[in-house]
Protein backbone atom coordinates (compact mmCIF):
# COMPACT_ATOMS: atom_id res chain seq x y z
CA MET A 1 -74.77 17.63 128.78
CA HIS A 2 -74.92 14.50 130.77
CA SER A 3 -77.74 13.81 132.95
CA CYS A 4 -76.50 10.93 135.19
CA ASP A 5 -72.69 12.58 136.01
CA ASN A 6 -71.31 9.11 135.54
CA PRO A 7 -68.20 9.43 133.47
CA GLY A 8 -68.03 6.45 132.41
CA CYS A 9 -71.65 6.15 131.19
CA VAL A 10 -72.41 5.91 127.10
CA ASN A 11 -76.42 6.06 127.13
CA PRO A 12 -77.71 8.81 124.54
CA ALA A 13 -80.70 8.78 126.59
CA HIS A 14 -78.62 10.68 129.39
CA LEU A 15 -77.42 13.24 126.81
CA SER A 16 -79.45 16.76 126.34
CA ILE A 17 -78.70 19.25 124.34
CA GLY A 18 -77.22 22.49 125.67
CA THR A 19 -74.38 25.17 125.54
CA MET A 20 -71.23 25.25 127.42
CA ALA A 21 -72.64 27.67 129.74
CA ASP A 22 -75.72 25.94 130.23
CA ASN A 23 -73.22 23.21 130.79
CA ILE A 24 -71.18 25.36 133.20
CA LYS A 25 -74.34 26.24 135.06
CA ASP A 26 -75.37 22.86 135.36
CA ALA A 27 -71.94 21.59 136.76
CA ALA A 28 -72.14 24.41 139.38
CA ARG A 29 -75.99 23.72 140.43
CA LYS A 30 -74.50 19.87 140.77
CA GLY A 31 -71.31 21.06 143.01
CA ARG A 32 -69.24 19.71 140.81
CA MET A 33 -67.20 23.19 139.76
CA ALA A 34 -63.98 23.45 141.99
CA ARG A 35 -64.13 26.81 144.14
CA GLY A 36 -62.45 27.98 147.18
CA GLU A 37 -60.19 25.92 149.01
CA ARG A 38 -61.46 22.82 146.62
CA HIS A 39 -59.47 24.71 143.53
CA TYR A 40 -56.07 23.05 142.77
CA ALA A 41 -54.49 26.57 142.60
CA SER A 42 -56.30 28.28 145.27
CA LYS A 43 -53.67 29.92 147.78
CA LEU A 44 -56.47 30.79 150.60
CA THR A 45 -58.56 29.09 153.20
CA GLU A 46 -61.95 30.36 154.40
CA ASP A 47 -60.85 31.11 157.37
CA LYS A 48 -57.73 33.56 155.82
CA VAL A 49 -60.76 35.14 154.01
CA ARG A 50 -62.60 35.90 157.25
CA GLU A 51 -58.96 37.00 158.74
CA ILE A 52 -58.81 39.52 155.51
CA ARG A 53 -62.25 40.86 155.83
CA THR A 54 -61.81 41.66 159.84
CA ASN A 55 -57.86 42.43 160.00
CA GLY A 56 -57.95 45.88 159.34
CA MET A 57 -54.39 46.09 157.02
CA GLY A 58 -54.21 47.89 154.21
CA ARG A 59 -54.87 46.09 151.20
CA ASN A 60 -50.83 46.09 149.85
CA ALA A 61 -49.99 44.63 153.31
CA ALA A 62 -52.62 42.18 153.81
CA ALA A 63 -51.78 41.27 149.82
CA ARG A 64 -48.05 40.90 150.76
CA HIS A 65 -49.05 39.27 153.99
CA PHE A 66 -51.62 35.93 152.38
CA GLY A 67 -49.19 36.12 149.14
CA VAL A 68 -51.94 37.10 146.80
CA CYS A 69 -52.66 40.12 144.69
CA TRP A 70 -53.97 43.69 146.33
CA MET A 71 -57.06 43.46 143.74
CA THR A 72 -57.63 40.10 145.22
CA ILE A 73 -58.14 41.50 148.78
CA THR A 74 -60.04 44.33 147.32
CA HIS A 75 -62.66 41.52 145.79
CA ILE A 76 -62.81 39.42 149.29
CA ARG A 77 -63.78 42.66 150.86
CA GLN A 78 -66.36 44.12 148.20
CA ARG A 79 -67.60 40.38 148.35
CA LYS A 80 -66.90 39.95 144.85
CA LYS A 81 -64.91 37.23 145.24
CA TRP A 82 -65.34 34.54 148.18
CA ALA A 83 -68.75 35.65 148.49
CA TRP A 84 -70.10 32.50 150.14
CA VAL A 85 -68.32 32.77 152.96
CA SER A 86 -69.65 34.33 155.76
CA ASP A 87 -67.71 36.29 158.39
């Protein structure tokens, strides 16, 4: 794991031992993991997520409307996905 987060840094003193899981947690804690709208493959925005939670459409109709899988709609409504988005 790299402590200074400078991609060009080659200082061995800035390295520490950790597993891949440790490295991922470290990156997420530092805000370096793309999530939500920042993820390159995201089809939704935070505004659309709020709409999904409040619009009253059935999950299949909402999935067609927003261009995602019905399971994505279910997970958004259960706050298993996009949990950080407040209503």
